C-alpha atoms as a PDB file:
ATOM      1  CA  MET A   1       5.026 -25.161  -7.492  1.00  0.00           C
ATOM      2  CA  LEU A   2       4.022 -22.579  -4.885  1.00  0.00           C
ATOM      3  CA  LYS A   3       2.656 -25.029  -2.317  1.00  0.00           C
ATOM      4  CA  PRO A   4       5.991 -25.662  -0.583  1.00  0.00           C
ATOM      5  CA  TYR A   5       6.305 -21.896   0.052  1.00  0.00           C
ATOM      6  CA  LEU A   6       2.806 -20.387   0.303  1.00  0.00           C
ATOM      7  CA  ASP A   7       0.524 -20.532   3.362  1.00  0.00           C
ATOM      8  CA  THR A   8      -2.950 -19.092   2.820  1.00  0.00           C
ATOM      9  CA  HIS A   9      -5.028 -18.663   5.977  1.00  0.00           C
ATOM     10  CA  PRO A  10      -7.971 -21.124   5.940  1.00  0.00           C
ATOM     11  CA  GLU A  11     -10.525 -18.286   6.192  1.00  0.00           C
ATOM     12  CA  VAL A  12      -8.929 -16.526   3.218  1.00  0.00           C
ATOM     13  CA  ALA A  13      -8.615 -19.719   1.184  1.00  0.00           C
ATOM     14  CA  GLU A  14     -12.256 -20.606   1.809  1.00  0.00           C
ATOM     15  CA  ALA A  15     -13.411 -17.132   0.789  1.00  0.00           C
ATOM     16  CA  LEU A  16     -11.415 -17.297  -2.447  1.00  0.00           C
ATOM     17  CA  THR A  17     -12.750 -20.760  -3.260  1.00  0.00           C
ATOM     18  CA  ASP A  18     -16.321 -19.538  -2.676  1.00  0.00           C
ATOM     19  CA  ASN A  19     -15.749 -16.365  -4.769  1.00  0.00           C
ATOM     20  CA  ARG A  20     -16.266 -14.116  -1.754  1.00  0.00           C
ATOM     21  CA  PRO A  21     -14.475 -10.752  -1.465  1.00  0.00           C
ATOM     22  CA  VAL A  22     -10.957 -10.655  -0.011  1.00  0.00           C
ATOM     23  CA  VAL A  23      -8.732  -7.606   0.499  1.00  0.00           C
ATOM     24  CA  ALA A  24      -4.949  -7.884   0.743  1.00  0.00           C
ATOM     25  CA  LEU A  25      -3.164  -5.718   3.336  1.00  0.00           C
ATOM     26  CA  GLU A  26       0.559  -5.012   3.595  1.00  0.00           C
ATOM     27  CA  SER A  27       2.758  -5.482   6.636  1.00  0.00           C
ATOM     28  CA  THR A  28       5.477  -2.861   6.140  1.00  0.00           C
ATOM     29  CA  ILE A  29       3.104  -0.398   7.761  1.00  0.00           C
ATOM     30  CA  ILE A  30       3.186  -2.636  10.855  1.00  0.00           C
ATOM     31  CA  ALA A  31       6.935  -3.095  11.131  1.00  0.00           C
ATOM     32  CA  HIS A  32       8.299   0.061   9.506  1.00  0.00           C
ATOM     33  CA  GLY A  33       5.466   2.559   9.187  1.00  0.00           C
ATOM     34  CA  MET A  34       4.407   3.267  12.779  1.00  0.00           C
ATOM     35  CA  PRO A  35       5.731   2.907  16.323  1.00  0.00           C
ATOM     36  CA  TYR A  36       4.633   0.079  18.632  1.00  0.00           C
ATOM     37  CA  PRO A  37       1.891  -0.363  19.872  1.00  0.00           C
ATOM     38  CA  ARG A  38       0.081   1.994  17.473  1.00  0.00           C
ATOM     39  CA  ASN A  39       1.213  -0.182  14.581  1.00  0.00           C
ATOM     40  CA  VAL A  40      -0.494  -3.292  15.952  1.00  0.00           C
ATOM     41  CA  GLU A  41      -3.610  -1.380  16.991  1.00  0.00           C
ATOM     42  CA  THR A  42      -3.857   0.127  13.521  1.00  0.00           C
ATOM     43  CA  ALA A  43      -3.336  -3.191  11.727  1.00  0.00           C
ATOM     44  CA  LEU A  44      -6.164  -4.761  13.711  1.00  0.00           C
ATOM     45  CA  ARG A  45      -8.413  -1.749  13.084  1.00  0.00           C
ATOM     46  CA  VAL A  46      -7.700  -1.956   9.364  1.00  0.00           C
ATOM     47  CA  GLU A  47      -8.670  -5.632   9.320  1.00  0.00           C
ATOM     48  CA  GLU A  48     -11.889  -4.766  11.167  1.00  0.00           C
ATOM     49  CA  ALA A  49     -12.596  -1.974   8.670  1.00  0.00           C
ATOM     50  CA  VAL A  50     -12.441  -4.537   5.856  1.00  0.00           C
ATOM     51  CA  ARG A  51     -14.764  -6.890   7.744  1.00  0.00           C
ATOM     52  CA  SER A  52     -17.211  -4.067   8.460  1.00  0.00           C
ATOM     53  CA  GLN A  53     -17.829  -3.787   4.701  1.00  0.00           C
ATOM     54  CA  GLY A  54     -18.405  -7.509   4.215  1.00  0.00           C
ATOM     55  CA  ALA A  55     -14.993  -8.643   2.976  1.00  0.00           C
ATOM     56  CA  ILE A  56     -12.237 -10.850   4.426  1.00  0.00           C
ATOM     57  CA  PRO A  57      -8.893  -9.216   5.297  1.00  0.00           C
ATOM     58  CA  ALA A  58      -5.626 -10.911   4.352  1.00  0.00           C
ATOM     59  CA  THR A  59      -2.631  -9.226   5.958  1.00  0.00           C
ATOM     60  CA  ILE A  60       0.487 -10.471   4.166  1.00  0.00           C
ATOM     61  CA  ALA A  61       4.058 -11.064   5.380  1.00  0.00           C
ATOM     62  CA  ILE A  62       6.852 -13.614   5.316  1.00  0.00           C
ATOM     63  CA  ILE A  63       6.840 -15.568   8.583  1.00  0.00           C
ATOM     64  CA  GLU A  64       9.748 -17.902   9.321  1.00  0.00           C
ATOM     65  CA  GLY A  65      10.380 -18.468   5.639  1.00  0.00           C
ATOM     66  CA  ARG A  66       6.730 -18.937   4.689  1.00  0.00           C
ATOM     67  CA  LEU A  67       4.850 -16.681   2.271  1.00  0.00           C
ATOM     68  CA  THR A  68       1.927 -16.012   4.582  1.00  0.00           C
ATOM     69  CA  VAL A  69      -1.356 -14.651   3.228  1.00  0.00           C
ATOM     70  CA  GLY A  70      -3.582 -13.889   6.201  1.00  0.00           C
ATOM     71  CA  LEU A  71      -1.890 -13.373   9.570  1.00  0.00           C
ATOM     72  CA  GLU A  72      -3.079 -14.469  12.981  1.00  0.00           C
ATOM     73  CA  ARG A  73      -3.374 -11.785  15.647  1.00  0.00           C
ATOM     74  CA  GLU A  74      -0.304 -13.204  17.418  1.00  0.00           C
ATOM     75  CA  GLN A  75       1.745 -12.884  14.218  1.00  0.00           C
ATOM     76  CA  ILE A  76       0.699  -9.256  13.797  1.00  0.00           C
ATOM     77  CA  GLU A  77       1.673  -8.584  17.416  1.00  0.00           C
ATOM     78  CA  ALA A  78       5.073 -10.240  16.972  1.00  0.00           C
ATOM     79  CA  LEU A  79       5.770  -8.311  13.777  1.00  0.00           C
ATOM     80  CA  GLY A  80       4.766  -5.056  15.461  1.00  0.00           C
ATOM     81  CA  ARG A  81       7.064  -5.685  18.411  1.00  0.00           C
ATOM     82  CA  GLU A  82       9.962  -6.578  16.117  1.00  0.00           C
ATOM     83  CA  GLY A  83       9.453  -3.307  14.250  1.00  0.00           C
ATOM     84  CA  ARG A  84      12.338  -2.183  12.095  1.00  0.00           C
ATOM     85  CA  GLU A  85      14.363  -5.208  13.114  1.00  0.00           C
ATOM     86  CA  ALA A  86      12.141  -7.155  10.712  1.00  0.00           C
ATOM     87  CA  ALA A  87      13.372  -7.237   7.132  1.00  0.00           C
ATOM     88  CA  LYS A  88      11.672  -4.855   4.704  1.00  0.00           C
ATOM     89  CA  VAL A  89      10.849  -7.134   1.788  1.00  0.00           C
ATOM     90  CA  SER A  90      10.389  -6.093  -1.825  1.00  0.00           C
ATOM     91  CA  ARG A  91      10.471  -8.266  -4.972  1.00  0.00           C
ATOM     92  CA  ARG A  92      14.252  -8.739  -4.985  1.00  0.00           C
ATOM     93  CA  ASP A  93      14.309  -9.821  -1.333  1.00  0.00           C
ATOM     94  CA  ILE A  94      11.599 -12.500  -1.334  1.00  0.00           C
ATOM     95  CA  PRO A  95      13.676 -15.569  -2.314  1.00  0.00           C
ATOM     96  CA  PHE A  96      16.495 -14.723   0.082  1.00  0.00           C
ATOM     97  CA  ILE A  97      14.242 -14.210   3.103  1.00  0.00           C
ATOM     98  CA  VAL A  98      12.358 -17.430   2.279  1.00  0.00           C
ATOM     99  CA  ALA A  99      15.545 -19.456   1.713  1.00  0.00           C
ATOM    100  CA  ALA A 100      16.973 -18.261   5.042  1.00  0.00           C
ATOM    101  CA  GLY A 101      13.753 -19.061   6.909  1.00  0.00           C
ATOM    102  CA  GLY A 102      13.487 -15.409   7.868  1.00  0.00           C
ATOM    103  CA  THR A 103      10.655 -13.089   8.776  1.00  0.00           C
ATOM    104  CA  GLY A 104       9.918  -9.932   6.828  1.00  0.00           C
ATOM    105  CA  ALA A 105       7.333  -7.215   6.334  1.00  0.00           C
ATOM    106  CA  THR A 106       6.150  -6.892   2.752  1.00  0.00           C
ATOM    107  CA  THR A 107       6.184  -3.595   0.858  1.00  0.00           C
ATOM    108  CA  VAL A 108       3.498  -2.664  -1.668  1.00  0.00           C
ATOM    109  CA  ALA A 109       5.429  -4.489  -4.399  1.00  0.00           C
ATOM    110  CA  ALA A 110       5.949  -7.692  -2.415  1.00  0.00           C
ATOM    111  CA  THR A 111       2.385  -7.652  -1.105  1.00  0.00           C
ATOM    112  CA  MET A 112       1.097  -7.422  -4.672  1.00  0.00           C
ATOM    113  CA  ILE A 113       3.191 -10.439  -5.656  1.00  0.00           C
ATOM    114  CA  LEU A 114       1.986 -12.608  -2.771  1.00  0.00           C
ATOM    115  CA  ALA A 115      -1.602 -11.461  -3.214  1.00  0.00           C
ATOM    116  CA  ALA A 116      -1.486 -12.447  -6.880  1.00  0.00           C
ATOM    117  CA  MET A 117      -0.001 -15.828  -5.968  1.00  0.00           C
ATOM    118  CA  ALA A 118      -2.957 -16.452  -3.670  1.00  0.00           C
ATOM    119  CA  GLY A 119      -5.528 -15.177  -6.178  1.00  0.00           C
ATOM    120  CA  ILE A 120      -6.398 -11.853  -4.502  1.00  0.00           C
ATOM    121  CA  ARG A 121      -7.044  -8.940  -6.861  1.00  0.00           C
ATOM    122  CA  ILE A 122      -7.782  -6.009  -4.508  1.00  0.00           C
ATOM    123  CA  PHE A 123      -5.232  -4.519  -2.097  1.00  0.00           C
ATOM    124  CA  ALA A 124      -5.517  -1.597   0.335  1.00  0.00           C
ATOM    125  CA  THR A 125      -2.573   0.422   1.600  1.00  0.00           C
ATOM    126  CA  GLY A 126      -1.749   3.951   2.709  1.00  0.00           C
ATOM    127  CA  GLY A 127       0.180   5.302  -0.259  1.00  0.00           C
ATOM    128  CA  ILE A 128       2.257   3.759  -3.007  1.00  0.00           C
ATOM    129  CA  GLY A 129       5.949   4.401  -3.444  1.00  0.00           C
ATOM    130  CA  GLY A 130       7.128   6.349  -6.452  1.00  0.00           C
ATOM    131  CA  VAL A 131       9.855   8.457  -7.968  1.00  0.00           C
ATOM    132  CA  HIS A 132      11.851  10.139  -5.213  1.00  0.00           C
ATOM    133  CA  ARG A 133      12.761  13.798  -5.348  1.00  0.00           C
ATOM    134  CA  GLY A 134      16.142  14.173  -6.981  1.00  0.00           C
ATOM    135  CA  ALA A 135      15.725  10.916  -8.922  1.00  0.00           C
ATOM    136  CA  THR A 136      17.109  12.530 -12.062  1.00  0.00           C
ATOM    137  CA  GLN A 137      20.481  12.226 -10.308  1.00  0.00           C
ATOM    138  CA  THR A 138      19.938   9.280  -7.951  1.00  0.00           C
ATOM    139  CA  PHE A 139      17.597   7.082 -10.027  1.00  0.00           C
ATOM    140  CA  ASP A 140      15.775   6.337  -6.753  1.00  0.00           C
ATOM    141  CA  ILE A 141      12.484   4.902  -7.999  1.00  0.00           C
ATOM    142  CA  SER A 142      10.302   2.603  -5.916  1.00  0.00           C
ATOM    143  CA  ALA A 143       9.881  -0.981  -7.092  1.00  0.00           C
ATOM    144  CA  ASP A 144       6.157  -0.474  -6.449  1.00  0.00           C
ATOM    145  CA  LEU A 145       5.818   1.249  -9.816  1.00  0.00           C
ATOM    146  CA  GLN A 146       7.322  -1.575 -11.834  1.00  0.00           C
ATOM    147  CA  GLU A 147       5.208  -4.079  -9.922  1.00  0.00           C
ATOM    148  CA  LEU A 148       2.095  -2.128 -10.826  1.00  0.00           C
ATOM    149  CA  ALA A 149       3.131  -2.472 -14.465  1.00  0.00           C
ATOM    150  CA  GLN A 150       3.238  -6.272 -14.389  1.00  0.00           C
ATOM    151  CA  THR A 151       1.107  -7.693 -11.546  1.00  0.00           C
ATOM    152  CA  ASP A 152      -2.679  -7.975 -11.821  1.00  0.00           C
ATOM    153  CA  VAL A 153      -3.637  -6.399  -8.495  1.00  0.00           C
ATOM    154  CA  ALA A 154      -5.519  -3.119  -7.984  1.00  0.00           C
ATOM    155  CA  VAL A 155      -4.106  -0.903  -5.252  1.00  0.00           C
ATOM    156  CA  VAL A 156      -6.448   1.356  -3.280  1.00  0.00           C
ATOM    157  CA  CYS A 157      -4.358   4.153  -1.787  1.00  0.00           C
ATOM    158  CA  ALA A 158      -4.356   7.839  -0.912  1.00  0.00           C
ATOM    159  CA  GLY A 159      -2.187   8.489  -3.950  1.00  0.00           C
ATOM    160  CA  ALA A 160       1.586   8.432  -3.736  1.00  0.00           C
ATOM    161  CA  LYS A 161       3.363   9.474  -0.560  1.00  0.00           C
ATOM    162  CA  SER A 162       3.799  13.243  -0.611  1.00  0.00           C
ATOM    163  CA  ILE A 163       7.505  12.920   0.224  1.00  0.00           C
ATOM    164  CA  LEU A 164       7.934  11.908  -3.445  1.00  0.00           C
ATOM    165  CA  ASP A 165       8.079  13.705  -6.776  1.00  0.00           C
ATOM    166  CA  LEU A 166       4.436  13.249  -7.721  1.00  0.00           C
ATOM    167  CA  GLY A 167       4.760  14.639 -11.232  1.00  0.00           C
ATOM    168  CA  LEU A 168       7.532  12.223 -12.176  1.00  0.00           C
ATOM    169  CA  THR A 169       5.679   9.371 -10.477  1.00  0.00           C
ATOM    170  CA  LEU A 170       2.672   9.969 -12.730  1.00  0.00           C
ATOM    171  CA  GLU A 171       4.925  10.175 -15.792  1.00  0.00           C
ATOM    172  CA  TYR A 172       6.511   6.829 -14.898  1.00  0.00           C
ATOM    173  CA  LEU A 173       3.122   5.184 -14.384  1.00  0.00           C
ATOM    174  CA  GLU A 174       1.938   6.515 -17.748  1.00  0.00           C
ATOM    175  CA  THR A 175       5.008   5.099 -19.484  1.00  0.00           C
ATOM    176  CA  GLN A 176       4.340   1.710 -17.896  1.00  0.00           C
ATOM    177  CA  GLY A 177       0.673   1.771 -18.918  1.00  0.00           C
ATOM    178  CA  VAL A 178      -0.673   1.859 -15.361  1.00  0.00           C
ATOM    179  CA  PRO A 179      -4.044   3.670 -15.103  1.00  0.00           C
ATOM    180  CA  VAL A 180      -4.461   6.108 -12.217  1.00  0.00           C
ATOM    181  CA  VAL A 181      -8.122   6.283 -11.227  1.00  0.00           C
ATOM    182  CA  GLY A 182      -9.450   8.998  -8.942  1.00  0.00           C
ATOM    183  CA  TYR A 183     -12.246   7.783  -6.685  1.00  0.00           C
ATOM    184  CA  ARG A 184     -14.750  10.645  -6.678  1.00  0.00           C
ATOM    185  CA  THR A 185     -11.925  13.073  -7.497  1.00  0.00           C
ATOM    186  CA  ASP A 186     -10.351  14.593 -10.610  1.00  0.00           C
ATOM    187  CA  SER A 187      -7.050  15.248  -8.819  1.00  0.00           C
ATOM    188  CA  LEU A 188      -4.396  12.890  -7.526  1.00  0.00           C
ATOM    189  CA  PRO A 189      -4.486  13.027  -3.729  1.00  0.00           C
ATOM    190  CA  ALA A 190      -1.134  13.571  -2.044  1.00  0.00           C
ATOM    191  CA  PHE A 191      -1.379  11.214   0.934  1.00  0.00           C
ATOM    192  CA  TYR A 192      -1.852  13.720   3.793  1.00  0.00           C
ATOM    193  CA  THR A 193      -3.701  16.197   1.559  1.00  0.00           C
ATOM    194  CA  ARG A 194      -6.638  15.749  -0.810  1.00  0.00           C
ATOM    195  CA  ASP A 195      -5.288  17.562  -3.862  1.00  0.00           C
ATOM    196  CA  SER A 196      -1.782  17.436  -5.336  1.00  0.00           C
ATOM    197  CA  GLY A 197      -2.551  19.718  -8.258  1.00  0.00           C
ATOM    198  CA  PHE A 198      -2.012  16.817 -10.696  1.00  0.00           C
ATOM    199  CA  ALA A 199      -4.884  15.269 -12.645  1.00  0.00           C
ATOM    200  CA  VAL A 200      -5.772  11.568 -12.594  1.00  0.00           C
ATOM    201  CA  ASP A 201      -6.345   9.576 -15.785  1.00  0.00           C
ATOM    202  CA  TYR A 202      -9.954   8.681 -15.044  1.00  0.00           C
ATOM    203  CA  ARG A 203     -12.532   9.563 -12.413  1.00  0.00           C
ATOM    204  CA  LEU A 204     -14.942   6.859 -11.218  1.00  0.00           C
ATOM    205  CA  ASP A 205     -17.595   7.499  -8.593  1.00  0.00           C
ATOM    206  CA  SER A 206     -18.755   4.103  -7.323  1.00  0.00           C
ATOM    207  CA  PRO A 207     -17.229   0.765  -6.273  1.00  0.00           C
ATOM    208  CA  GLU A 208     -19.271  -0.895  -9.020  1.00  0.00           C
ATOM    209  CA  THR A 209     -17.803   1.215 -11.830  1.00  0.00           C
ATOM    210  CA  VAL A 210     -14.290   0.650 -10.489  1.00  0.00           C
ATOM    211  CA  ALA A 211     -14.883  -3.106 -10.295  1.00  0.00           C
ATOM    212  CA  GLN A 212     -16.262  -3.230 -13.841  1.00  0.00           C
ATOM    213  CA  ALA A 213     -13.241  -1.354 -15.192  1.00  0.00           C
ATOM    214  CA  LEU A 214     -10.889  -3.791 -13.428  1.00  0.00           C
ATOM    215  CA  ARG A 215     -12.809  -6.814 -14.706  1.00  0.00           C
ATOM    216  CA  THR A 216     -12.741  -5.445 -18.255  1.00  0.00           C
ATOM    217  CA  LYS A 217      -9.007  -4.668 -18.142  1.00  0.00           C
ATOM    218  CA  TRP A 218      -8.044  -8.159 -17.040  1.00  0.00           C
ATOM    219  CA  ASP A 219     -10.612  -9.909 -19.252  1.00  0.00           C
ATOM    220  CA  LEU A 220      -8.980  -8.157 -22.197  1.00  0.00           C
ATOM    221  CA  GLY A 221      -5.643  -9.660 -21.209  1.00  0.00           C
ATOM    222  CA  LEU A 222      -4.117  -6.284 -20.329  1.00  0.00           C
ATOM    223  CA  ARG A 223      -1.590  -7.177 -17.689  1.00  0.00           C
ATOM    224  CA  GLY A 224      -0.715  -5.038 -14.697  1.00  0.00           C
ATOM    225  CA  GLY A 225      -2.351  -3.240 -11.829  1.00  0.00           C
ATOM    226  CA  VAL A 226      -4.411  -0.120 -11.370  1.00  0.00           C
ATOM    227  CA  VAL A 227      -3.920   2.720  -8.896  1.00  0.00           C
ATOM    228  CA  ILE A 228      -7.231   3.656  -7.266  1.00  0.00           C
ATOM    229  CA  ALA A 229      -6.551   7.001  -5.619  1.00  0.00           C
ATOM    230  CA  ASN A 230      -8.895   7.658  -2.706  1.00  0.00           C
ATOM    231  CA  PRO A 231      -8.486  11.074  -1.013  1.00  0.00           C
ATOM    232  CA  ILE A 232      -8.092  11.234   2.751  1.00  0.00           C
ATOM    233  CA  SER A 233     -11.354  12.200   4.481  1.00  0.00           C
ATOM    234  CA  GLU A 234     -11.716  15.959   4.845  1.00  0.00           C
ATOM    235  CA  PRO A 235     -11.609  16.080   8.676  1.00  0.00           C
ATOM    236  CA  TYR A 236      -8.218  14.347   8.728  1.00  0.00           C
ATOM    237  CA  ALA A 237      -6.554  16.136   5.797  1.00  0.00           C
ATOM    238  CA  MET A 238      -3.593  18.316   6.722  1.00  0.00           C
ATOM    239  CA  ALA A 239      -2.859  21.863   5.613  1.00  0.00           C
ATOM    240  CA  THR A 240      -0.649  21.785   2.529  1.00  0.00           C
ATOM    241  CA  GLU A 241       1.723  24.465   3.850  1.00  0.00           C
ATOM    242  CA  ALA A 242       2.320  22.653   7.143  1.00  0.00           C
ATOM    243  CA  ILE A 243       2.983  19.249   5.630  1.00  0.00           C
ATOM    244  CA  ASP A 244       5.174  20.660   2.832  1.00  0.00           C
ATOM    245  CA  ALA A 245       7.358  22.478   5.368  1.00  0.00           C
ATOM    246  CA  ALA A 246       7.778  19.316   7.454  1.00  0.00           C
ATOM    247  CA  ILE A 247       8.608  17.231   4.393  1.00  0.00           C
ATOM    248  CA  GLU A 248      11.192  19.735   3.180  1.00  0.00           C
ATOM    249  CA  GLN A 249      12.953  19.736   6.553  1.00  0.00           C
ATOM    250  CA  ALA A 250      12.861  15.933   6.750  1.00  0.00           C
ATOM    251  CA  LEU A 251      14.334  15.662   3.251  1.00  0.00           C
ATOM    252  CA  GLN A 252      17.196  17.992   4.162  1.00  0.00           C
ATOM    253  CA  GLU A 253      17.931  15.958   7.300  1.00  0.00           C
ATOM    254  CA  ALA A 254      17.876  12.682   5.363  1.00  0.00           C
ATOM    255  CA  ASP A 255      20.355  14.105   2.868  1.00  0.00           C
ATOM    256  CA  ALA A 256      22.622  15.411   5.643  1.00  0.00           C
ATOM    257  CA  GLN A 257      22.604  11.996   7.343  1.00  0.00           C
ATOM    258  CA  GLY A 258      23.253  10.077   4.125  1.00  0.00           C
ATOM    259  CA  ILE A 259      20.002   8.131   4.328  1.00  0.00           C
ATOM    260  CA  HIS A 260      19.003   6.542   1.021  1.00  0.00           C
ATOM    261  CA  GLY A 261      17.377   3.501  -0.575  1.00  0.00           C
ATOM    262  CA  LYS A 262      14.772   1.502   1.321  1.00  0.00           C
ATOM    263  CA  ALA A 263      15.630   3.337   4.565  1.00  0.00           C
ATOM    264  CA  THR A 264      14.440   6.646   3.112  1.00  0.00           C
ATOM    265  CA  THR A 265      10.669   6.296   3.386  1.00  0.00           C
ATOM    266  CA  PRO A 266      10.528   5.000   7.000  1.00  0.00           C
ATOM    267  CA  PHE A 267      12.885   7.789   8.086  1.00  0.00           C
ATOM    268  CA  LEU A 268      10.916  10.506   6.318  1.00  0.00           C
ATOM    269  CA  LEU A 269       7.527   9.326   7.571  1.00  0.00           C
ATOM    270  CA  ALA A 270       8.780   9.089  11.162  1.00  0.00           C
ATOM    271  CA  ARG A 271      10.486  12.487  11.007  1.00  0.00           C
ATOM    272  CA  VAL A 272       7.448  14.171   9.463  1.00  0.00           C
ATOM    273  CA  ALA A 273       5.331  12.712  12.279  1.00  0.00           C
ATOM    274  CA  GLU A 274       7.715  14.239  14.823  1.00  0.00           C
ATOM    275  CA  LEU A 275       7.769  17.610  13.076  1.00  0.00           C
ATOM    276  CA  THR A 276       3.970  17.784  12.918  1.00  0.00           C
ATOM    277  CA  GLY A 277       3.505  16.859  16.565  1.00  0.00           C
ATOM    278  CA  GLY A 278       1.972  13.508  15.651  1.00  0.00           C
ATOM    279  CA  ASP A 279      -0.679  15.006  13.375  1.00  0.00           C
ATOM    280  CA  SER A 280       0.671  13.222  10.314  1.00  0.00           C
ATOM    281  CA  LEU A 281       0.583   9.863  12.109  1.00  0.00           C
ATOM    282  CA  GLU A 282      -3.104  10.296  12.929  1.00  0.00           C
ATOM    283  CA  SER A 283      -3.780  11.307   9.320  1.00  0.00           C
ATOM    284  CA  ASN A 284      -1.857   8.247   8.139  1.00  0.00           C
ATOM    285  CA  ILE A 285      -3.995   5.955  10.283  1.00  0.00           C
ATOM    286  CA  GLN A 286      -7.251   7.502   9.139  1.00  0.00           C
ATOM    287  CA  LEU A 287      -6.396   7.359   5.445  1.00  0.00           C
ATOM    288  CA  VAL A 288      -5.474   3.674   5.692  1.00  0.00           C
ATOM    289  CA  LEU A 289      -8.817   2.924   7.358  1.00  0.00           C
ATOM    290  CA  ASN A 290     -10.603   4.896   4.650  1.00  0.00           C
ATOM    291  CA  ASN A 291      -8.790   2.942   1.930  1.00  0.00           C
ATOM    292  CA  ALA A 292      -9.548  -0.394   3.595  1.00  0.00           C
ATOM    293  CA  ARG A 293     -13.277   0.329   3.614  1.00  0.00           C
ATOM    294  CA  LEU A 294     -13.274   1.350  -0.041  1.00  0.00           C
ATOM    295  CA  ALA A 295     -11.172  -1.663  -1.061  1.00  0.00           C
ATOM    296  CA  ALA A 296     -13.677  -3.978   0.624  1.00  0.00           C
ATOM    297  CA  GLN A 297     -16.543  -2.319  -1.245  1.00  0.00           C
ATOM    298  CA  ILE A 298     -14.692  -2.707  -4.551  1.00  0.00           C
ATOM    299  CA  ALA A 299     -13.818  -6.349  -3.753  1.00  0.00           C
ATOM    300  CA  LYS A 300     -17.523  -7.075  -3.107  1.00  0.00           C
ATOM    301  CA  ALA A 301     -18.492  -5.484  -6.408  1.00  0.00           C
ATOM    302  CA  PHE A 302     -15.681  -7.279  -8.246  1.00  0.00           C
ATOM    303  CA  VAL A 303     -16.807 -10.790  -7.326  1.00  0.00           C
ATOM    304  CA  GLN A 304     -20.318  -9.902  -8.507  1.00  0.00           C
ATOM    305  CA  CYS A 305     -19.441  -8.529 -11.951  1.00  0.00           C
END
């Protein structure tokens, strides 16, 4: 049924057929997460980081109506140049962008869906979406969380984006039965910082133990994903006070400008980068690279267990 819609890059398809490790990568970070040309440079560096650990990268997007798993360099460049003009695609948007023959950058949720369609189980990103601050009034909750509850893909990330309500995000994940695993940490990292003050469900200290837990979960028929929270490397972590102040100001500005829904996260990330003099952008890049390397190590262990 999927063949009329799904294009899997030959290198990715061959690796999956041969049971070799593949890591899914999202494309929202290219179109909506960073300015051009840093977005394209970062996307290519992330792919190289996956390769450096012995796995095959599969950057995912919708290209001219095709569900595309594994982008060519020219496609990454085009998506980076298009930037925020490209559609931001989550679960609800996929059929409409495909039916219209459009091009779109996939969020965490949409990337998980396309990865699962192609048979990829491990996915690296920067940070997952979550419950937004003030959600008790707005009900603004990322579709990423519901996708984690139902799609069998593990997401390696630096926790949830620190612009969110991390406590409520963890509560939502618990309700949906999504395990939050800390990689060599007992605390949920908060994207730009290593410690949010909230505990993870389980701590695992090697790619092999993570892979075995994933294999066991899915072998038992327990549907849904797993959050693998990997703290940003110490040299690139930001001071909690500085990032909290920038986030608070960005949130106030978003509220004053009436920004909401899927426009919220790109606005906040861009504004925080401005308020921190670009420091948060560099941290963002480094944490994505760190997650890509770990995801590749887990993917290698997963195909062997």
